[in-house]
N, C-alpha and C. Protein backbone atom coordinates (compact mmCIF):
# COMPACT_ATOMS: atom_id res chain seq x y z
N UNK A 1 -17.88 16.14 6.92
CA UNK A 1 -17.89 14.86 7.62
C UNK A 1 -18.25 13.68 6.75
N UNK A 2 -18.53 13.92 5.45
CA UNK A 2 -18.80 12.83 4.54
C UNK A 2 -20.17 12.81 3.88
N UNK A 3 -21.22 13.47 4.44
CA UNK A 3 -22.53 13.41 3.79
C UNK A 3 -22.55 14.01 2.38
N UNK A 4 -21.74 15.03 2.13
CA UNK A 4 -21.70 15.62 0.79
C UNK A 4 -20.25 15.67 0.30
N UNK A 5 -20.10 15.65 -1.00
CA UNK A 5 -18.78 15.60 -1.62
C UNK A 5 -18.75 16.53 -2.82
N UNK A 6 -17.57 17.06 -3.14
CA UNK A 6 -17.40 17.78 -4.39
C UNK A 6 -16.06 17.39 -5.00
N UNK A 7 -15.96 17.54 -6.30
CA UNK A 7 -14.76 17.17 -7.03
C UNK A 7 -13.81 18.35 -7.08
N UNK A 8 -12.57 18.12 -6.68
CA UNK A 8 -11.55 19.17 -6.69
C UNK A 8 -10.70 19.05 -7.95
N UNK A 9 -10.41 20.17 -8.58
CA UNK A 9 -9.57 20.20 -9.77
C UNK A 9 -8.23 20.85 -9.46
N UNK A 10 -7.81 20.82 -8.20
CA UNK A 10 -6.62 21.57 -7.77
C UNK A 10 -5.43 20.67 -7.54
N UNK A 11 -5.47 19.42 -8.00
CA UNK A 11 -4.34 18.52 -7.81
C UNK A 11 -3.18 18.94 -8.71
N UNK A 12 -1.99 19.02 -8.14
CA UNK A 12 -0.80 19.41 -8.88
C UNK A 12 -0.01 18.16 -9.29
N UNK A 13 0.17 17.95 -10.58
CA UNK A 13 0.89 16.79 -11.06
C UNK A 13 2.39 16.98 -10.88
N UNK A 14 3.11 15.90 -10.55
CA UNK A 14 4.57 16.00 -10.53
C UNK A 14 5.11 16.37 -11.91
N UNK A 15 6.31 16.91 -11.95
CA UNK A 15 6.92 17.31 -13.21
C UNK A 15 7.05 16.11 -14.16
N UNK A 16 6.81 16.37 -15.44
CA UNK A 16 6.98 15.38 -16.51
C UNK A 16 6.01 14.20 -16.41
N UNK A 17 4.86 14.43 -15.79
CA UNK A 17 3.83 13.40 -15.74
C UNK A 17 2.52 13.97 -16.27
N UNK A 18 1.71 13.11 -16.88
CA UNK A 18 0.41 13.54 -17.40
C UNK A 18 -0.73 13.06 -16.53
N UNK A 19 -0.47 12.07 -15.69
CA UNK A 19 -1.50 11.58 -14.78
C UNK A 19 -0.83 10.84 -13.62
N UNK A 20 -1.53 10.80 -12.49
CA UNK A 20 -1.07 10.04 -11.34
C UNK A 20 -2.25 9.22 -10.83
N UNK A 21 -2.01 7.93 -10.60
CA UNK A 21 -3.05 7.01 -10.15
C UNK A 21 -2.87 6.79 -8.65
N UNK A 22 -3.83 7.19 -7.82
CA UNK A 22 -3.67 7.02 -6.36
C UNK A 22 -3.87 5.56 -5.96
N UNK A 23 -3.30 5.20 -4.81
CA UNK A 23 -3.48 3.85 -4.29
C UNK A 23 -3.33 3.88 -2.77
N UNK A 24 -4.12 3.06 -2.10
CA UNK A 24 -3.93 2.82 -0.67
C UNK A 24 -4.60 3.85 0.22
N UNK A 25 -4.29 3.74 1.51
CA UNK A 25 -4.88 4.60 2.52
C UNK A 25 -4.33 6.02 2.45
N UNK A 26 -5.12 6.97 2.91
CA UNK A 26 -4.64 8.32 3.17
C UNK A 26 -4.30 8.40 4.65
N UNK A 27 -3.05 8.74 4.95
CA UNK A 27 -2.57 8.82 6.33
C UNK A 27 -2.58 10.27 6.80
N UNK A 28 -3.04 10.51 8.03
CA UNK A 28 -3.00 11.84 8.61
C UNK A 28 -1.97 11.86 9.74
N UNK A 29 -0.94 12.70 9.61
CA UNK A 29 0.07 12.82 10.66
C UNK A 29 -0.42 13.80 11.74
N UNK A 30 0.22 13.83 12.91
CA UNK A 30 -0.28 14.68 14.01
C UNK A 30 -0.40 16.15 13.67
N UNK A 31 0.36 16.64 12.71
CA UNK A 31 0.25 18.06 12.32
C UNK A 31 -0.91 18.32 11.37
N UNK A 32 -1.72 17.28 11.08
CA UNK A 32 -2.89 17.43 10.23
C UNK A 32 -2.63 17.24 8.76
N UNK A 33 -1.38 17.06 8.36
CA UNK A 33 -1.07 16.88 6.94
C UNK A 33 -1.56 15.52 6.48
N UNK A 34 -2.21 15.49 5.32
CA UNK A 34 -2.65 14.25 4.69
C UNK A 34 -1.59 13.77 3.72
N UNK A 35 -1.33 12.47 3.73
CA UNK A 35 -0.34 11.87 2.83
C UNK A 35 -0.93 10.63 2.18
N UNK A 36 -0.65 10.47 0.90
CA UNK A 36 -1.01 9.25 0.19
C UNK A 36 0.03 9.02 -0.90
N UNK A 37 -0.12 7.95 -1.64
CA UNK A 37 0.79 7.70 -2.75
C UNK A 37 0.02 7.67 -4.06
N UNK A 38 0.74 7.96 -5.13
CA UNK A 38 0.21 7.85 -6.47
C UNK A 38 1.34 7.51 -7.41
N UNK A 39 1.03 6.76 -8.47
CA UNK A 39 2.09 6.39 -9.40
C UNK A 39 1.79 6.91 -10.80
N UNK A 40 2.85 7.28 -11.49
CA UNK A 40 2.77 7.77 -12.86
C UNK A 40 3.08 6.62 -13.80
N UNK A 41 2.19 6.39 -14.75
CA UNK A 41 2.31 5.29 -15.70
C UNK A 41 2.85 5.85 -17.00
N UNK A 42 4.03 5.39 -17.39
CA UNK A 42 4.68 5.90 -18.60
C UNK A 42 4.58 4.87 -19.72
N UNK A 43 3.39 4.79 -20.33
CA UNK A 43 3.15 3.92 -21.49
C UNK A 43 3.55 2.48 -21.24
N UNK A 44 3.42 2.03 -19.98
CA UNK A 44 3.74 0.65 -19.66
C UNK A 44 5.22 0.33 -19.61
N UNK A 45 6.08 1.32 -19.87
CA UNK A 45 7.52 1.07 -19.90
C UNK A 45 8.14 1.14 -18.52
N UNK A 46 7.72 2.11 -17.73
CA UNK A 46 8.18 2.18 -16.35
C UNK A 46 7.19 3.01 -15.54
N UNK A 47 7.24 2.83 -14.23
CA UNK A 47 6.38 3.55 -13.31
C UNK A 47 7.22 4.26 -12.28
N UNK A 48 6.80 5.47 -11.89
CA UNK A 48 7.40 6.18 -10.76
C UNK A 48 6.31 6.39 -9.72
N UNK A 49 6.63 6.18 -8.44
CA UNK A 49 5.64 6.36 -7.39
C UNK A 49 6.03 7.57 -6.54
N UNK A 50 5.02 8.36 -6.15
CA UNK A 50 5.23 9.61 -5.42
C UNK A 50 4.48 9.59 -4.10
N UNK A 51 5.06 10.26 -3.11
CA UNK A 51 4.34 10.62 -1.89
C UNK A 51 3.65 11.95 -2.16
N UNK A 52 2.35 12.00 -1.98
CA UNK A 52 1.54 13.19 -2.26
C UNK A 52 1.04 13.77 -0.94
N UNK A 53 1.08 15.11 -0.81
CA UNK A 53 0.76 15.75 0.46
C UNK A 53 -0.26 16.86 0.30
N UNK A 54 -1.14 16.99 1.30
CA UNK A 54 -2.09 18.09 1.38
C UNK A 54 -2.06 18.68 2.78
N UNK A 55 -1.94 20.02 2.87
CA UNK A 55 -1.93 20.71 4.16
C UNK A 55 -3.25 21.40 4.46
N UNK A 56 -4.25 21.24 3.59
CA UNK A 56 -5.54 21.91 3.78
C UNK A 56 -6.70 20.93 3.73
N UNK A 57 -6.50 19.76 4.37
CA UNK A 57 -7.56 18.76 4.50
C UNK A 57 -8.00 18.20 3.16
N UNK A 58 -7.09 18.14 2.20
CA UNK A 58 -7.38 17.51 0.92
C UNK A 58 -7.88 18.42 -0.17
N UNK A 59 -8.03 19.71 0.10
CA UNK A 59 -8.53 20.62 -0.94
C UNK A 59 -7.50 20.82 -2.04
N UNK A 60 -6.22 20.90 -1.68
CA UNK A 60 -5.15 21.01 -2.67
C UNK A 60 -4.04 20.04 -2.30
N UNK A 61 -3.31 19.60 -3.32
CA UNK A 61 -2.21 18.65 -3.14
C UNK A 61 -0.99 19.18 -3.89
N UNK A 62 -0.30 20.16 -3.34
CA UNK A 62 0.79 20.81 -4.09
C UNK A 62 2.12 20.08 -4.03
N UNK A 63 2.26 19.12 -3.10
CA UNK A 63 3.58 18.52 -2.87
C UNK A 63 3.61 17.10 -3.38
N UNK A 64 4.64 16.76 -4.16
CA UNK A 64 4.87 15.40 -4.63
C UNK A 64 6.35 15.08 -4.49
N UNK A 65 6.67 14.06 -3.70
CA UNK A 65 8.05 13.64 -3.47
C UNK A 65 8.24 12.28 -4.12
N UNK A 66 9.26 12.14 -4.95
CA UNK A 66 9.54 10.85 -5.58
C UNK A 66 9.92 9.83 -4.51
N UNK A 67 9.17 8.74 -4.46
CA UNK A 67 9.41 7.69 -3.47
C UNK A 67 10.21 6.55 -4.07
N UNK A 68 9.83 6.11 -5.26
CA UNK A 68 10.53 5.03 -5.94
C UNK A 68 10.45 5.24 -7.44
N UNK A 69 11.55 5.02 -8.14
CA UNK A 69 11.62 5.33 -9.58
C UNK A 69 11.73 4.07 -10.42
N UNK A 70 11.18 4.17 -11.63
CA UNK A 70 11.35 3.22 -12.73
C UNK A 70 10.47 1.97 -12.62
N UNK A 71 10.41 1.34 -11.45
CA UNK A 71 9.83 -0.01 -11.40
C UNK A 71 8.73 -0.16 -10.36
N UNK A 72 8.09 0.96 -9.93
CA UNK A 72 7.16 0.86 -8.81
C UNK A 72 5.81 1.47 -9.15
N UNK A 73 4.74 0.83 -8.66
CA UNK A 73 3.40 1.40 -8.84
C UNK A 73 2.60 1.37 -7.54
N UNK A 74 1.71 0.43 -7.32
CA UNK A 74 0.80 0.46 -6.18
C UNK A 74 1.57 0.37 -4.86
N UNK A 75 1.49 1.43 -4.07
CA UNK A 75 2.31 1.55 -2.86
C UNK A 75 1.45 1.97 -1.69
N UNK A 76 1.63 1.31 -0.56
CA UNK A 76 0.88 1.63 0.66
C UNK A 76 1.80 2.27 1.70
N UNK A 77 1.24 3.20 2.47
CA UNK A 77 1.99 3.97 3.46
C UNK A 77 1.60 3.57 4.88
N UNK A 78 2.56 3.79 5.81
CA UNK A 78 2.26 3.69 7.24
C UNK A 78 3.10 4.71 7.98
N UNK A 79 2.44 5.56 8.77
CA UNK A 79 3.15 6.55 9.58
C UNK A 79 3.48 5.93 10.93
N UNK A 80 4.77 5.98 11.32
CA UNK A 80 5.23 5.36 12.56
C UNK A 80 5.37 6.35 13.70
N UNK A 81 5.35 7.66 13.40
CA UNK A 81 5.55 8.68 14.42
C UNK A 81 6.94 9.29 14.34
N UNK A 82 7.07 10.52 14.87
CA UNK A 82 8.36 11.22 14.93
C UNK A 82 9.02 11.34 13.57
N UNK A 83 8.23 11.54 12.53
CA UNK A 83 8.76 11.73 11.19
C UNK A 83 9.17 10.46 10.46
N UNK A 84 8.89 9.30 11.05
CA UNK A 84 9.27 8.02 10.44
C UNK A 84 8.09 7.41 9.69
N UNK A 85 8.37 6.93 8.48
CA UNK A 85 7.35 6.33 7.62
C UNK A 85 7.87 5.01 7.05
N UNK A 86 6.93 4.13 6.73
CA UNK A 86 7.21 2.95 5.92
C UNK A 86 6.33 2.98 4.68
N UNK A 87 6.82 2.38 3.60
CA UNK A 87 6.03 2.23 2.38
C UNK A 87 6.36 0.88 1.77
N UNK A 88 5.33 0.15 1.38
CA UNK A 88 5.50 -1.14 0.70
C UNK A 88 5.04 -0.97 -0.74
N UNK A 89 5.96 -1.13 -1.68
CA UNK A 89 5.72 -0.79 -3.08
C UNK A 89 5.75 -2.03 -3.96
N UNK A 90 4.77 -2.12 -4.84
CA UNK A 90 4.72 -3.19 -5.83
C UNK A 90 5.65 -2.86 -6.99
N UNK A 91 6.44 -3.85 -7.41
CA UNK A 91 7.30 -3.65 -8.56
C UNK A 91 6.53 -3.98 -9.83
N UNK A 92 6.94 -3.36 -10.92
CA UNK A 92 6.27 -3.55 -12.21
C UNK A 92 6.72 -4.83 -12.89
N UNK A 93 7.99 -5.15 -12.82
CA UNK A 93 8.52 -6.22 -13.67
C UNK A 93 8.16 -7.61 -13.16
N UNK A 94 8.56 -7.97 -11.93
CA UNK A 94 8.20 -9.31 -11.46
C UNK A 94 7.13 -9.28 -10.37
N UNK A 95 6.66 -8.08 -10.02
CA UNK A 95 5.49 -7.90 -9.18
C UNK A 95 5.67 -8.47 -7.76
N UNK A 96 6.85 -8.20 -7.17
CA UNK A 96 7.02 -8.47 -5.75
C UNK A 96 6.89 -7.14 -5.00
N UNK A 97 6.99 -7.18 -3.68
CA UNK A 97 6.91 -5.98 -2.85
C UNK A 97 8.29 -5.62 -2.31
N UNK A 98 8.64 -4.34 -2.43
CA UNK A 98 9.84 -3.79 -1.80
C UNK A 98 9.43 -2.86 -0.67
N UNK A 99 10.25 -2.82 0.39
CA UNK A 99 10.00 -1.95 1.52
C UNK A 99 10.88 -0.71 1.43
N UNK A 100 10.28 0.47 1.67
CA UNK A 100 11.00 1.73 1.75
C UNK A 100 10.75 2.34 3.12
N UNK A 101 11.72 3.15 3.59
CA UNK A 101 11.58 3.83 4.87
C UNK A 101 12.05 5.27 4.74
N UNK A 102 11.43 6.14 5.53
CA UNK A 102 11.83 7.55 5.61
C UNK A 102 11.95 7.95 7.07
N UNK A 103 13.02 8.69 7.39
CA UNK A 103 13.23 9.20 8.75
C UNK A 103 13.13 10.71 8.81
N UNK A 104 12.77 11.35 7.67
CA UNK A 104 12.68 12.81 7.63
C UNK A 104 11.31 13.27 7.14
N UNK A 105 10.28 12.59 7.64
CA UNK A 105 8.89 12.93 7.33
C UNK A 105 8.60 12.87 5.83
N UNK A 106 9.16 11.86 5.17
CA UNK A 106 8.82 11.60 3.78
C UNK A 106 9.57 12.41 2.76
N UNK A 107 10.55 13.21 3.17
CA UNK A 107 11.29 14.01 2.21
C UNK A 107 12.31 13.19 1.43
N UNK A 108 12.80 12.10 2.01
CA UNK A 108 13.69 11.18 1.30
C UNK A 108 13.38 9.76 1.75
N UNK A 109 13.69 8.79 0.89
CA UNK A 109 13.31 7.40 1.13
C UNK A 109 14.50 6.49 0.87
N UNK A 110 14.61 5.42 1.67
CA UNK A 110 15.68 4.44 1.53
C UNK A 110 15.06 3.07 1.33
N UNK A 111 15.53 2.35 0.32
CA UNK A 111 15.04 1.00 0.11
C UNK A 111 15.60 0.04 1.13
N UNK A 112 14.73 -0.83 1.65
CA UNK A 112 15.15 -1.84 2.62
C UNK A 112 15.11 -3.26 2.05
N UNK A 113 14.77 -3.40 0.78
CA UNK A 113 14.79 -4.72 0.17
C UNK A 113 13.42 -5.35 0.06
N UNK A 114 13.37 -6.57 -0.49
CA UNK A 114 12.09 -7.22 -0.79
C UNK A 114 11.37 -7.73 0.46
N UNK A 115 10.04 -7.67 0.38
CA UNK A 115 9.16 -8.22 1.42
C UNK A 115 8.52 -9.53 1.01
N UNK A 116 8.36 -9.74 -0.30
CA UNK A 116 7.66 -10.93 -0.80
C UNK A 116 8.40 -11.49 -2.01
N UNK A 117 7.91 -12.64 -2.46
CA UNK A 117 8.38 -13.26 -3.69
C UNK A 117 7.66 -12.64 -4.89
N UNK A 118 8.12 -12.92 -6.12
CA UNK A 118 7.41 -12.43 -7.30
C UNK A 118 5.95 -12.87 -7.32
N UNK A 119 5.12 -12.01 -7.90
CA UNK A 119 3.67 -12.22 -8.04
C UNK A 119 2.97 -12.28 -6.68
N UNK A 120 3.51 -11.57 -5.69
CA UNK A 120 2.86 -11.45 -4.38
C UNK A 120 2.73 -9.96 -4.07
N UNK A 121 1.52 -9.44 -4.27
CA UNK A 121 1.27 -8.00 -4.24
C UNK A 121 -0.24 -7.79 -4.30
N UNK A 122 -0.75 -6.53 -4.13
CA UNK A 122 -0.10 -5.40 -3.49
C UNK A 122 -0.25 -5.50 -1.98
N UNK A 123 0.26 -4.49 -1.28
CA UNK A 123 0.39 -4.57 0.17
C UNK A 123 -0.64 -3.70 0.89
N UNK A 124 -0.86 -4.03 2.16
CA UNK A 124 -1.49 -3.13 3.12
C UNK A 124 -0.69 -3.22 4.41
N UNK A 125 -0.45 -2.08 5.05
CA UNK A 125 0.29 -2.02 6.31
C UNK A 125 -0.63 -1.50 7.41
N UNK A 126 -0.57 -2.14 8.58
CA UNK A 126 -1.41 -1.76 9.71
C UNK A 126 -0.60 -1.84 10.99
N UNK A 127 -0.64 -0.77 11.81
CA UNK A 127 -0.05 -0.80 13.15
C UNK A 127 -1.09 -1.41 14.09
N UNK A 128 -0.71 -2.51 14.76
CA UNK A 128 -1.61 -3.18 15.68
C UNK A 128 -1.56 -2.52 17.06
N UNK A 129 -2.52 -2.88 17.89
CA UNK A 129 -2.60 -2.28 19.23
C UNK A 129 -1.37 -2.59 20.06
N UNK A 130 -0.72 -3.73 19.82
CA UNK A 130 0.49 -4.09 20.58
C UNK A 130 1.76 -3.54 19.94
N UNK A 131 1.59 -2.63 18.95
CA UNK A 131 2.68 -1.91 18.27
C UNK A 131 3.36 -2.71 17.17
N UNK A 132 3.03 -3.97 17.02
CA UNK A 132 3.56 -4.71 15.88
C UNK A 132 2.96 -4.15 14.58
N UNK A 133 3.63 -4.42 13.47
CA UNK A 133 3.14 -4.01 12.16
C UNK A 133 2.71 -5.24 11.39
N UNK A 134 1.51 -5.18 10.86
CA UNK A 134 0.96 -6.28 10.06
C UNK A 134 1.03 -5.89 8.58
N UNK A 135 1.67 -6.74 7.80
CA UNK A 135 1.67 -6.63 6.34
C UNK A 135 0.76 -7.71 5.78
N UNK A 136 -0.24 -7.31 4.99
CA UNK A 136 -1.03 -8.28 4.26
C UNK A 136 -0.87 -7.99 2.77
N UNK A 137 -1.01 -9.04 1.95
CA UNK A 137 -0.75 -8.90 0.52
C UNK A 137 -1.41 -10.04 -0.25
N UNK A 138 -1.65 -9.81 -1.52
CA UNK A 138 -2.19 -10.85 -2.38
C UNK A 138 -1.11 -11.82 -2.82
N UNK A 139 -1.48 -13.09 -2.94
CA UNK A 139 -0.60 -14.14 -3.48
C UNK A 139 -1.18 -14.57 -4.82
N UNK A 140 -0.38 -14.47 -5.88
CA UNK A 140 -0.85 -14.78 -7.23
C UNK A 140 0.12 -15.74 -7.92
N UNK A 141 0.56 -16.73 -7.19
CA UNK A 141 1.47 -17.73 -7.74
C UNK A 141 0.69 -18.92 -8.30
N UNK A 142 1.22 -19.50 -9.36
CA UNK A 142 0.54 -20.67 -9.94
C UNK A 142 0.43 -21.76 -8.88
N UNK A 143 -0.77 -22.24 -8.67
CA UNK A 143 -1.01 -23.26 -7.66
C UNK A 143 -1.45 -22.71 -6.32
N UNK A 144 -1.32 -21.39 -6.11
CA UNK A 144 -1.79 -20.77 -4.87
C UNK A 144 -2.16 -19.32 -5.13
N UNK A 145 -3.45 -19.07 -5.20
CA UNK A 145 -3.97 -17.71 -5.17
C UNK A 145 -4.57 -17.51 -3.80
N UNK A 146 -4.22 -16.40 -3.14
CA UNK A 146 -4.75 -16.20 -1.81
C UNK A 146 -4.29 -14.90 -1.21
N UNK A 147 -4.24 -14.87 0.12
CA UNK A 147 -3.82 -13.69 0.87
C UNK A 147 -2.76 -14.13 1.87
N UNK A 148 -1.64 -13.41 1.89
CA UNK A 148 -0.56 -13.71 2.81
C UNK A 148 -0.37 -12.60 3.83
N UNK A 149 0.43 -12.88 4.85
CA UNK A 149 0.70 -11.89 5.90
C UNK A 149 2.09 -12.12 6.46
N UNK A 150 2.69 -11.03 6.96
CA UNK A 150 3.93 -11.08 7.73
C UNK A 150 3.80 -10.06 8.86
N UNK A 151 4.57 -10.26 9.94
CA UNK A 151 4.53 -9.38 11.09
C UNK A 151 5.94 -8.87 11.41
N UNK A 152 6.00 -7.62 11.86
CA UNK A 152 7.25 -7.03 12.32
C UNK A 152 7.05 -6.48 13.72
N UNK A 153 8.00 -6.77 14.61
CA UNK A 153 7.95 -6.27 15.99
C UNK A 153 8.97 -5.18 16.24
N UNK A 154 9.69 -4.74 15.18
CA UNK A 154 10.76 -3.75 15.36
C UNK A 154 10.69 -2.63 14.32
N UNK A 155 9.48 -2.11 14.12
CA UNK A 155 9.29 -0.96 13.23
C UNK A 155 9.66 -1.26 11.78
N UNK A 156 9.53 -2.52 11.37
CA UNK A 156 9.82 -2.87 10.00
C UNK A 156 11.27 -3.18 9.71
N UNK A 157 12.12 -3.24 10.73
CA UNK A 157 13.52 -3.60 10.51
C UNK A 157 13.66 -5.06 10.11
N UNK A 158 12.84 -5.92 10.68
CA UNK A 158 12.84 -7.35 10.33
C UNK A 158 11.41 -7.85 10.34
N UNK A 159 11.20 -8.97 9.65
CA UNK A 159 9.84 -9.50 9.46
C UNK A 159 9.82 -11.00 9.73
N UNK A 160 8.72 -11.44 10.33
CA UNK A 160 8.54 -12.86 10.56
C UNK A 160 8.23 -13.59 9.26
N UNK A 161 8.16 -14.94 9.33
CA UNK A 161 7.92 -15.73 8.12
C UNK A 161 6.53 -15.49 7.55
N UNK A 162 6.36 -15.72 6.25
CA UNK A 162 5.04 -15.54 5.63
C UNK A 162 4.01 -16.51 6.20
N UNK A 163 2.78 -16.03 6.29
CA UNK A 163 1.63 -16.82 6.73
C UNK A 163 0.60 -16.77 5.62
N UNK A 164 0.01 -17.90 5.26
CA UNK A 164 -1.10 -17.91 4.30
C UNK A 164 -2.39 -17.75 5.09
N UNK A 165 -3.04 -16.59 4.94
CA UNK A 165 -4.31 -16.35 5.64
C UNK A 165 -5.47 -17.02 4.93
N UNK A 166 -5.47 -16.93 3.60
CA UNK A 166 -6.60 -17.42 2.80
C UNK A 166 -6.07 -18.13 1.56
N UNK A 167 -6.54 -19.34 1.32
CA UNK A 167 -6.32 -20.03 0.05
C UNK A 167 -7.58 -19.85 -0.78
N UNK A 168 -7.45 -19.17 -1.92
CA UNK A 168 -8.63 -18.86 -2.74
C UNK A 168 -9.02 -20.00 -3.68
N UNK A 169 -8.51 -21.19 -3.43
CA UNK A 169 -8.96 -22.42 -4.07
C UNK A 169 -8.87 -22.32 -5.59
N UNK A 170 -10.00 -22.13 -6.27
CA UNK A 170 -10.06 -22.17 -7.73
C UNK A 170 -9.82 -20.81 -8.37
N UNK A 171 -9.57 -19.79 -7.59
CA UNK A 171 -9.49 -18.43 -8.14
C UNK A 171 -8.30 -18.27 -9.08
N UNK A 172 -8.52 -17.43 -10.10
CA UNK A 172 -7.42 -17.02 -10.99
C UNK A 172 -7.23 -15.51 -10.93
N UNK A 173 -7.96 -14.86 -10.01
CA UNK A 173 -7.82 -13.43 -9.77
C UNK A 173 -8.29 -13.16 -8.35
N UNK A 174 -7.56 -12.29 -7.64
CA UNK A 174 -7.98 -11.99 -6.28
C UNK A 174 -6.87 -11.36 -5.47
N UNK A 175 -7.20 -11.04 -4.23
CA UNK A 175 -6.23 -10.43 -3.33
C UNK A 175 -6.62 -9.03 -2.94
N UNK A 176 -5.67 -8.09 -3.06
CA UNK A 176 -5.86 -6.68 -2.68
C UNK A 176 -6.46 -6.56 -1.28
N UNK A 177 -5.80 -7.13 -0.26
CA UNK A 177 -6.38 -7.09 1.09
C UNK A 177 -6.22 -5.73 1.76
N UNK A 178 -7.12 -5.47 2.69
CA UNK A 178 -7.04 -4.34 3.61
C UNK A 178 -7.47 -4.83 4.98
N UNK A 179 -6.73 -4.46 6.01
CA UNK A 179 -7.01 -4.96 7.36
C UNK A 179 -7.29 -3.82 8.33
N UNK A 180 -8.14 -4.10 9.31
CA UNK A 180 -8.38 -3.20 10.43
C UNK A 180 -8.39 -4.05 11.71
N UNK A 181 -8.13 -3.39 12.84
CA UNK A 181 -8.23 -4.06 14.13
C UNK A 181 -9.33 -3.40 14.92
N UNK A 182 -10.29 -4.18 15.40
CA UNK A 182 -11.43 -3.64 16.12
C UNK A 182 -11.14 -3.64 17.62
N UNK A 183 -12.08 -3.10 18.40
CA UNK A 183 -11.83 -2.80 19.81
C UNK A 183 -11.42 -4.01 20.64
N UNK A 184 -11.95 -5.20 20.33
CA UNK A 184 -11.63 -6.37 21.13
C UNK A 184 -10.34 -7.05 20.68
N UNK A 185 -9.61 -6.44 19.74
CA UNK A 185 -8.35 -6.99 19.27
C UNK A 185 -8.44 -7.82 18.02
N UNK A 186 -9.66 -8.16 17.61
CA UNK A 186 -9.84 -8.95 16.40
C UNK A 186 -9.35 -8.18 15.18
N UNK A 187 -8.63 -8.86 14.29
CA UNK A 187 -8.19 -8.27 13.03
C UNK A 187 -9.11 -8.77 11.92
N UNK A 188 -9.67 -7.84 11.17
CA UNK A 188 -10.58 -8.17 10.07
C UNK A 188 -9.89 -7.78 8.77
N UNK A 189 -9.80 -8.72 7.83
CA UNK A 189 -9.16 -8.47 6.54
C UNK A 189 -10.15 -8.70 5.43
N UNK A 190 -10.33 -7.69 4.59
CA UNK A 190 -11.20 -7.78 3.41
C UNK A 190 -10.35 -7.95 2.17
N UNK A 191 -10.84 -8.71 1.21
CA UNK A 191 -10.13 -8.97 -0.04
C UNK A 191 -11.19 -9.33 -1.08
N UNK A 192 -10.76 -9.63 -2.30
CA UNK A 192 -11.73 -10.06 -3.31
C UNK A 192 -11.20 -11.30 -4.03
N UNK A 193 -12.08 -11.99 -4.72
CA UNK A 193 -11.70 -13.12 -5.57
C UNK A 193 -12.70 -13.24 -6.71
N UNK A 194 -12.27 -13.85 -7.81
CA UNK A 194 -13.21 -14.01 -8.92
C UNK A 194 -14.07 -15.26 -8.76
N UNK A 195 -13.58 -16.25 -7.99
CA UNK A 195 -14.42 -17.41 -7.70
C UNK A 195 -13.74 -18.28 -6.66
N UNK A 196 -14.56 -18.98 -5.89
CA UNK A 196 -14.12 -20.07 -5.02
C UNK A 196 -15.18 -21.17 -5.18
N UNK A 197 -14.96 -22.31 -4.56
CA UNK A 197 -15.90 -23.42 -4.76
C UNK A 197 -17.32 -23.06 -4.35
N UNK A 198 -17.44 -22.27 -3.31
CA UNK A 198 -18.78 -21.95 -2.78
C UNK A 198 -19.44 -20.78 -3.51
N UNK A 199 -18.70 -20.07 -4.36
CA UNK A 199 -19.26 -18.87 -4.98
C UNK A 199 -18.49 -18.63 -6.27
N UNK A 200 -19.12 -18.91 -7.39
CA UNK A 200 -18.46 -18.91 -8.69
C UNK A 200 -18.53 -17.56 -9.41
N UNK A 201 -18.55 -16.48 -8.67
CA UNK A 201 -18.56 -15.14 -9.27
C UNK A 201 -17.65 -14.23 -8.48
N UNK A 202 -17.37 -13.05 -9.03
CA UNK A 202 -16.56 -12.07 -8.30
C UNK A 202 -17.28 -11.69 -7.01
N UNK A 203 -16.50 -11.57 -5.95
CA UNK A 203 -17.05 -11.17 -4.65
C UNK A 203 -15.94 -10.60 -3.79
């Protein structure tokens, strides 16, 4: 339940990789399978991102499915039900977000195109109580560092216009949001910044 922890050495690396860097939430589907993403860093030349699976509550991770090749790293998952998944993946080259979808429980993935402009990353996906999907992401454009959001009411088929949730003012580093919705419907989003006018240090 969390009071004690041990380190597992049973992670299985995908073929032709020496390391995988995990990112984002671990999702549990109704059958109890745990899913997360990890990306393989190939000397800065290209990144491949994988869907990683565990059927024994995280003790072993024998399954790795290629989700996006060549240009993808930090990727967040969202389980929609009935074998349907969404993934928002950060690109390596211009650092925008691309959306991927799976209809066969993560065994294959289809790209749905960009979610953000360049230098707007990485993503977090949250299913809200009213069934809409909330995308939050960092904004790292010259003249605006902050946190952005978009909403989808149709399972990620289409998205509303971008919303600026937070302007980080003087920051030159920040973002990486994560959101939760509490019982009264309030959405709480956590992020970080290296400085704002009221606080000149990382927070």
